[in-house]
Amino acid sequence: MMPYALKNKETSELFSCALENIHGIPYHGVKLWEDREAAEAAAPSFLVERGVDDPWRWEVVGLDEHQAKLCNVKLNNNPNRRIFLTEEGRIDAQ
């Protein structure tokens, strides 16, 4: 299974926000879906619900399991950090 996330077409930032884990504990992380179809169907309303004015600037991208885990490790539960997927497939945080 490949996780899918939302990437800004202009900046390569992956969409992160306040989420809840399976135990109901809140954290700041990258929103992931289990399959492309679910991500593409849910993404527009998901973004609008979170106050994004330009949902068309975000596209669904596949990540491997390592990249998906690394996103949240590098975010370190910090809403002030931003996470990016480079053209080389590297996960960078700022």
N, C-alpha and C. Protein backbone atom coordinates (compact mmCIF):
# COMPACT_ATOMS: atom_id res chain seq x y z
N MET A 1 0.84 -1.19 0.00
CA MET A 1 0.00 0.00 0.00
C MET A 1 0.89 1.25 0.00
N MET A 2 0.56 2.17 -0.86
CA MET A 2 1.30 3.42 -0.94
C MET A 2 0.44 4.54 -0.36
N PRO A 3 0.97 5.29 0.60
CA PRO A 3 0.20 6.43 1.11
C PRO A 3 0.22 7.59 0.12
N TYR A 4 -0.84 8.38 0.15
CA TYR A 4 -0.96 9.55 -0.73
C TYR A 4 -1.15 10.80 0.11
N ALA A 5 -0.52 11.87 -0.34
CA ALA A 5 -0.57 13.16 0.36
C ALA A 5 -0.90 14.24 -0.67
N LEU A 6 -1.02 15.46 -0.18
CA LEU A 6 -1.27 16.61 -1.05
C LEU A 6 -0.02 17.47 -1.13
N LYS A 7 0.39 17.78 -2.36
CA LYS A 7 1.59 18.60 -2.58
C LYS A 7 1.20 19.86 -3.34
N ASN A 8 1.70 20.99 -2.86
CA ASN A 8 1.47 22.25 -3.54
C ASN A 8 2.25 22.23 -4.85
N LYS A 9 1.56 22.50 -5.96
CA LYS A 9 2.18 22.42 -7.29
C LYS A 9 3.28 23.46 -7.48
N GLU A 10 3.21 24.58 -6.76
CA GLU A 10 4.17 25.66 -6.95
C GLU A 10 5.36 25.57 -5.99
N THR A 11 5.10 25.17 -4.73
CA THR A 11 6.16 25.21 -3.72
C THR A 11 6.69 23.84 -3.33
N SER A 12 6.00 22.77 -3.72
CA SER A 12 6.33 21.39 -3.34
C SER A 12 6.10 21.10 -1.85
N GLU A 13 5.40 22.01 -1.16
CA GLU A 13 5.08 21.77 0.24
C GLU A 13 4.01 20.68 0.33
N LEU A 14 4.17 19.78 1.29
CA LEU A 14 3.15 18.78 1.57
C LEU A 14 2.19 19.35 2.60
N PHE A 15 0.89 19.10 2.42
CA PHE A 15 -0.11 19.70 3.30
C PHE A 15 -0.07 19.05 4.68
N SER A 16 0.15 19.87 5.70
CA SER A 16 0.13 19.39 7.08
C SER A 16 -0.87 20.22 7.86
N CYS A 17 -1.41 19.59 8.90
CA CYS A 17 -2.45 20.24 9.69
C CYS A 17 -2.63 19.49 11.01
N ALA A 18 -3.55 19.98 11.82
CA ALA A 18 -3.90 19.30 13.06
C ALA A 18 -4.69 18.04 12.71
N LEU A 19 -4.26 16.91 13.24
CA LEU A 19 -4.89 15.61 12.99
C LEU A 19 -5.05 14.87 14.31
N GLU A 20 -5.72 13.74 14.28
CA GLU A 20 -5.83 12.86 15.44
C GLU A 20 -5.34 11.48 15.04
N ASN A 21 -4.56 10.84 15.94
CA ASN A 21 -4.12 9.48 15.64
C ASN A 21 -5.24 8.48 15.96
N ILE A 22 -4.98 7.20 15.77
CA ILE A 22 -6.03 6.19 15.97
C ILE A 22 -6.48 6.09 17.42
N HIS A 23 -5.73 6.67 18.34
CA HIS A 23 -6.09 6.66 19.76
C HIS A 23 -6.78 7.95 20.18
N GLY A 24 -7.05 8.83 19.20
CA GLY A 24 -7.72 10.09 19.50
C GLY A 24 -6.82 11.18 20.04
N ILE A 25 -5.52 10.98 19.95
CA ILE A 25 -4.56 11.97 20.45
C ILE A 25 -4.22 12.95 19.32
N PRO A 26 -4.38 14.25 19.58
CA PRO A 26 -4.09 15.23 18.53
C PRO A 26 -2.59 15.37 18.27
N TYR A 27 -2.27 15.63 17.01
CA TYR A 27 -0.88 15.90 16.62
C TYR A 27 -0.89 16.73 15.34
N HIS A 28 0.25 17.32 15.00
CA HIS A 28 0.39 18.06 13.76
C HIS A 28 1.17 17.17 12.79
N GLY A 29 0.55 16.87 11.64
CA GLY A 29 1.21 15.97 10.70
C GLY A 29 0.71 16.15 9.28
N VAL A 30 1.28 15.37 8.38
CA VAL A 30 0.89 15.38 6.98
C VAL A 30 -0.33 14.47 6.83
N LYS A 31 -1.37 14.99 6.20
CA LYS A 31 -2.58 14.21 5.96
C LYS A 31 -2.29 13.17 4.89
N LEU A 32 -2.59 11.90 5.19
CA LEU A 32 -2.35 10.80 4.26
C LEU A 32 -3.64 10.03 4.00
N TRP A 33 -3.76 9.53 2.80
CA TRP A 33 -4.85 8.64 2.41
C TRP A 33 -4.23 7.32 1.97
N GLU A 34 -5.03 6.24 2.04
CA GLU A 34 -4.53 4.91 1.69
C GLU A 34 -4.52 4.64 0.19
N ASP A 35 -5.36 5.32 -0.57
CA ASP A 35 -5.34 5.10 -2.02
C ASP A 35 -5.62 6.41 -2.76
N ARG A 36 -5.16 6.43 -4.01
CA ARG A 36 -5.24 7.64 -4.83
C ARG A 36 -6.69 8.09 -5.03
N GLU A 37 -7.59 7.14 -5.30
CA GLU A 37 -8.99 7.50 -5.56
C GLU A 37 -9.61 8.20 -4.35
N ALA A 38 -9.36 7.68 -3.16
CA ALA A 38 -9.90 8.29 -1.94
C ALA A 38 -9.32 9.69 -1.75
N ALA A 39 -8.02 9.84 -2.00
CA ALA A 39 -7.38 11.14 -1.85
C ALA A 39 -7.95 12.16 -2.83
N GLU A 40 -8.09 11.75 -4.10
CA GLU A 40 -8.61 12.67 -5.11
C GLU A 40 -10.06 13.05 -4.83
N ALA A 41 -10.84 12.12 -4.30
CA ALA A 41 -12.24 12.41 -3.99
C ALA A 41 -12.38 13.33 -2.79
N ALA A 42 -11.55 13.13 -1.78
CA ALA A 42 -11.68 13.87 -0.52
C ALA A 42 -10.92 15.20 -0.48
N ALA A 43 -9.87 15.32 -1.29
CA ALA A 43 -8.97 16.47 -1.19
C ALA A 43 -9.64 17.83 -1.31
N PRO A 44 -10.47 18.09 -2.30
CA PRO A 44 -11.03 19.44 -2.42
C PRO A 44 -11.81 19.89 -1.18
N SER A 45 -12.69 19.05 -0.67
CA SER A 45 -13.47 19.45 0.51
C SER A 45 -12.58 19.48 1.75
N PHE A 46 -11.63 18.57 1.85
CA PHE A 46 -10.69 18.56 2.97
C PHE A 46 -9.95 19.89 3.06
N LEU A 47 -9.44 20.36 1.92
CA LEU A 47 -8.69 21.62 1.89
C LEU A 47 -9.58 22.81 2.22
N VAL A 48 -10.77 22.86 1.65
CA VAL A 48 -11.69 23.98 1.90
C VAL A 48 -12.08 24.02 3.38
N GLU A 49 -12.33 22.85 3.97
CA GLU A 49 -12.68 22.78 5.39
C GLU A 49 -11.57 23.32 6.27
N ARG A 50 -10.34 23.28 5.79
CA ARG A 50 -9.20 23.77 6.56
C ARG A 50 -8.78 25.17 6.15
N GLY A 51 -9.66 25.87 5.45
CA GLY A 51 -9.43 27.27 5.14
C GLY A 51 -8.54 27.55 3.95
N VAL A 52 -8.30 26.57 3.11
CA VAL A 52 -7.46 26.77 1.92
C VAL A 52 -8.32 27.41 0.83
N ASP A 53 -7.90 28.59 0.39
CA ASP A 53 -8.66 29.34 -0.62
C ASP A 53 -8.39 28.87 -2.05
N ASP A 54 -7.30 28.15 -2.24
CA ASP A 54 -6.88 27.77 -3.59
C ASP A 54 -6.61 26.26 -3.69
N PRO A 55 -7.65 25.42 -3.48
CA PRO A 55 -7.42 23.97 -3.48
C PRO A 55 -6.88 23.43 -4.80
N TRP A 56 -7.09 24.14 -5.90
CA TRP A 56 -6.59 23.69 -7.20
C TRP A 56 -5.05 23.73 -7.27
N ARG A 57 -4.42 24.39 -6.33
CA ARG A 57 -2.94 24.45 -6.33
C ARG A 57 -2.31 23.22 -5.70
N TRP A 58 -3.14 22.31 -5.20
CA TRP A 58 -2.64 21.10 -4.54
C TRP A 58 -2.95 19.88 -5.39
N GLU A 59 -1.98 18.95 -5.47
CA GLU A 59 -2.17 17.72 -6.24
C GLU A 59 -1.88 16.52 -5.36
N VAL A 60 -2.50 15.41 -5.70
CA VAL A 60 -2.28 14.16 -4.97
C VAL A 60 -0.97 13.54 -5.45
N VAL A 61 -0.11 13.16 -4.50
CA VAL A 61 1.16 12.51 -4.82
C VAL A 61 1.32 11.26 -3.96
N GLY A 62 1.94 10.26 -4.53
CA GLY A 62 2.24 9.03 -3.80
C GLY A 62 3.56 9.15 -3.07
N LEU A 63 3.60 8.62 -1.87
CA LEU A 63 4.83 8.56 -1.07
C LEU A 63 5.11 7.11 -0.74
N ASP A 64 6.37 6.77 -0.54
CA ASP A 64 6.61 5.42 -0.03
C ASP A 64 6.48 5.48 1.50
N GLU A 65 6.44 4.32 2.12
CA GLU A 65 6.22 4.27 3.58
C GLU A 65 7.28 5.06 4.33
N HIS A 66 8.53 4.95 3.90
CA HIS A 66 9.62 5.67 4.57
C HIS A 66 9.40 7.19 4.47
N GLN A 67 9.06 7.68 3.28
CA GLN A 67 8.82 9.12 3.12
C GLN A 67 7.67 9.57 4.01
N ALA A 68 6.60 8.79 4.07
CA ALA A 68 5.43 9.15 4.87
C ALA A 68 5.80 9.27 6.35
N LYS A 69 6.56 8.31 6.85
CA LYS A 69 6.97 8.37 8.26
C LYS A 69 7.92 9.53 8.51
N LEU A 70 8.82 9.75 7.58
CA LEU A 70 9.80 10.83 7.72
C LEU A 70 9.13 12.21 7.77
N CYS A 71 8.02 12.36 7.05
CA CYS A 71 7.29 13.63 7.09
C CYS A 71 6.95 14.02 8.52
N ASN A 72 6.33 13.10 9.23
CA ASN A 72 5.89 13.43 10.58
C ASN A 72 7.04 13.50 11.57
N VAL A 73 8.09 12.72 11.35
CA VAL A 73 9.28 12.83 12.19
C VAL A 73 9.89 14.23 12.04
N LYS A 74 10.04 14.68 10.79
CA LYS A 74 10.66 15.99 10.55
C LYS A 74 9.76 17.15 10.98
N LEU A 75 8.44 16.96 10.93
CA LEU A 75 7.54 18.01 11.43
C LEU A 75 7.65 18.14 12.94
N ASN A 76 7.95 17.04 13.63
CA ASN A 76 8.16 17.03 15.07
C ASN A 76 6.95 17.62 15.83
N ASN A 77 5.75 17.37 15.31
CA ASN A 77 4.51 17.82 15.95
C ASN A 77 4.47 19.35 16.12
N ASN A 78 5.17 20.06 15.25
CA ASN A 78 5.29 21.52 15.36
C ASN A 78 4.55 22.19 14.20
N PRO A 79 3.43 22.89 14.50
CA PRO A 79 2.66 23.53 13.43
C PRO A 79 3.39 24.68 12.74
N ASN A 80 4.52 25.12 13.29
CA ASN A 80 5.29 26.20 12.66
C ASN A 80 6.26 25.67 11.60
N ARG A 81 6.45 24.35 11.57
CA ARG A 81 7.35 23.76 10.57
C ARG A 81 6.56 23.43 9.31
N ARG A 82 7.26 23.46 8.19
CA ARG A 82 6.66 23.10 6.90
C ARG A 82 7.49 21.98 6.30
N ILE A 83 6.83 21.10 5.57
CA ILE A 83 7.49 19.93 5.01
C ILE A 83 7.38 19.96 3.49
N PHE A 84 8.46 19.58 2.80
CA PHE A 84 8.52 19.66 1.35
C PHE A 84 9.00 18.35 0.76
N LEU A 85 8.48 18.01 -0.42
CA LEU A 85 8.92 16.85 -1.18
C LEU A 85 9.73 17.39 -2.36
N THR A 86 11.04 17.14 -2.34
CA THR A 86 11.91 17.66 -3.41
C THR A 86 11.73 16.85 -4.68
N GLU A 87 12.22 17.39 -5.79
CA GLU A 87 12.15 16.67 -7.07
C GLU A 87 12.89 15.35 -7.02
N GLU A 88 13.88 15.26 -6.14
CA GLU A 88 14.66 14.03 -5.99
C GLU A 88 13.95 13.02 -5.08
N GLY A 89 12.81 13.42 -4.50
CA GLY A 89 12.07 12.53 -3.61
C GLY A 89 12.49 12.63 -2.15
N ARG A 90 13.30 13.63 -1.84
CA ARG A 90 13.75 13.84 -0.47
C ARG A 90 12.68 14.61 0.31
N ILE A 91 12.58 14.34 1.60
CA ILE A 91 11.67 15.06 2.48
C ILE A 91 12.49 16.09 3.24
N ASP A 92 12.17 17.37 3.05
CA ASP A 92 12.87 18.46 3.73
C ASP A 92 11.89 19.22 4.61
N ALA A 93 12.39 19.69 5.76
CA ALA A 93 11.56 20.48 6.67
C ALA A 93 12.19 21.85 6.86
N GLN A 94 11.34 22.84 7.06
CA GLN A 94 11.80 24.21 7.35
C GLN A 94 11.00 24.78 8.49
